[in-house]
Amino acid sequence: MSDKKGVLDVTILGRSYKVSCSDDEREELLEAVSYLDGKMHQIKASGKVGGTERIAVMAALNIAHEYLSAKTPGGFDIATLKRRIDAMKATLEQAIAPQEKLF
């Protein structure tokens, strides 16, 4: 097993990033980048969310929701978590909406 660190160039929603990762993590990181990029493009294509930062936050919330929904065994109350995520989405939309008018 190799712990050699390298820098990987990735593109998410048309923007390039340099990410440090070990050789062993490379494939998993590329899968994560692909998944995130796909989610962000989905949100952008919906036309309901504008601005890269807002798209990133909504993608993060959607991915967190998927993750928490998948972890049902172990005592998570999925219904409560879904309500909390929906409340966070609503709060973010309210907070970000006035800022969108600035651009």
Protein backbone atom coordinates (compact mmCIF):
# COMPACT_ATOMS: atom_id res chain seq x y z
CA MET A 1 0.00 0.00 0.00
CA SER A 2 1.39 3.37 -1.02
CA ASP A 3 1.09 6.54 1.04
CA LYS A 4 2.77 8.68 -1.59
CA LYS A 5 1.07 12.08 -1.73
CA GLY A 6 0.38 13.74 -5.01
CA VAL A 7 -1.58 16.63 -6.37
CA LEU A 8 -4.58 15.87 -8.51
CA ASP A 9 -6.17 18.42 -10.84
CA VAL A 10 -9.96 18.14 -10.81
CA THR A 11 -12.77 20.14 -12.39
CA ILE A 12 -16.05 20.80 -10.63
CA LEU A 13 -18.76 22.83 -12.36
CA GLY A 14 -16.21 24.11 -14.86
CA ARG A 15 -13.72 25.32 -12.26
CA SER A 16 -10.33 23.69 -11.75
CA TYR A 17 -9.00 22.73 -8.34
CA LYS A 18 -5.80 21.14 -7.12
CA VAL A 19 -6.37 18.49 -4.47
CA SER A 20 -3.74 16.68 -2.47
CA CYS A 21 -4.32 12.97 -2.00
CA SER A 22 -2.39 9.74 -1.62
CA ASP A 23 -2.10 7.36 -4.55
CA ASP A 24 -4.39 4.96 -2.66
CA GLU A 25 -7.16 7.57 -2.46
CA ARG A 26 -6.97 8.70 -6.08
CA GLU A 27 -9.78 6.57 -7.55
CA GLU A 28 -12.15 7.25 -4.67
CA LEU A 29 -11.46 10.97 -4.89
CA LEU A 30 -12.13 10.94 -8.64
CA GLU A 31 -15.44 9.16 -8.00
CA ALA A 32 -16.37 11.76 -5.36
CA VAL A 33 -15.46 14.59 -7.74
CA SER A 34 -17.56 13.04 -10.49
CA TYR A 35 -20.52 12.58 -8.15
CA LEU A 36 -20.31 16.13 -6.81
CA ASP A 37 -19.89 17.61 -10.27
CA GLY A 38 -22.95 15.69 -11.46
CA LYS A 39 -25.04 16.89 -8.51
CA MET A 40 -23.97 20.49 -9.06
CA HIS A 41 -24.78 20.31 -12.77
CA GLN A 42 -28.21 18.83 -11.91
CA ILE A 43 -28.96 21.71 -9.55
CA LYS A 44 -27.71 24.29 -12.03
CA ALA A 45 -29.81 22.76 -14.84
CA SER A 46 -32.94 22.92 -12.69
CA GLY A 47 -32.74 26.70 -12.98
CA LYS A 48 -34.04 27.11 -9.43
CA VAL A 49 -30.66 27.93 -7.91
CA GLY A 50 -28.18 30.47 -9.18
CA GLY A 51 -24.64 31.26 -8.18
CA THR A 52 -21.84 28.77 -7.73
CA GLU A 53 -21.72 29.12 -3.96
CA ARG A 54 -25.42 28.49 -3.57
CA ILE A 55 -25.26 25.53 -5.96
CA ALA A 56 -22.39 24.08 -3.89
CA VAL A 57 -24.33 24.48 -0.64
CA MET A 58 -27.45 22.89 -2.09
CA ALA A 59 -25.37 20.00 -3.50
CA ALA A 60 -23.74 19.52 -0.09
CA LEU A 61 -27.14 19.44 1.61
CA ASN A 62 -28.50 16.97 -0.93
CA ILE A 63 -25.48 14.70 -0.54
CA ALA A 64 -25.68 14.94 3.27
CA HIS A 65 -29.35 14.04 3.06
CA GLU A 66 -28.60 11.01 0.87
CA TYR A 67 -25.84 9.93 3.25
CA LEU A 68 -28.00 10.24 6.34
CA SER A 69 -30.91 8.45 4.66
CA ALA A 70 -28.63 5.55 3.82
CA LYS A 71 -27.49 5.18 7.44
CA THR A 72 -30.84 4.10 8.88
CA PRO A 73 -29.43 1.28 11.05
CA GLY A 74 -27.80 2.62 14.16
CA GLY A 75 -30.44 4.76 15.78
CA PHE A 76 -30.83 7.67 13.37
CA ASP A 77 -34.31 9.13 13.24
CA ILE A 78 -34.45 9.74 9.50
CA ALA A 79 -37.71 11.70 9.61
CA THR A 80 -36.25 14.18 12.10
CA LEU A 81 -33.04 14.54 10.08
CA LYS A 82 -35.01 15.15 6.88
CA ARG A 83 -37.04 17.88 8.59
CA ARG A 84 -33.85 19.49 9.89
CA ILE A 85 -32.26 19.42 6.43
CA ASP A 86 -35.40 20.90 4.88
CA ALA A 87 -35.35 23.64 7.53
CA MET A 88 -31.67 24.33 6.78
CA LYS A 89 -32.45 24.57 3.07
CA ALA A 90 -35.24 27.05 3.72
CA THR A 91 -33.03 29.12 6.01
CA LEU A 92 -30.21 29.17 3.44
CA GLU A 93 -32.58 30.15 0.65
CA GLN A 94 -33.92 33.03 2.75
CA ALA A 95 -30.44 34.21 3.69
CA ILE A 96 -29.01 33.97 0.18
CA ALA A 97 -31.98 35.37 -1.76
CA PRO A 98 -31.28 39.06 -0.97
CA GLN A 99 -27.61 38.61 -1.87
CA GLU A 100 -28.42 37.27 -5.33
CA LYS A 101 -29.93 40.62 -6.23
CA LEU A 102 -26.52 42.20 -5.70
CA PHE A 103 -25.06 40.32 -8.67
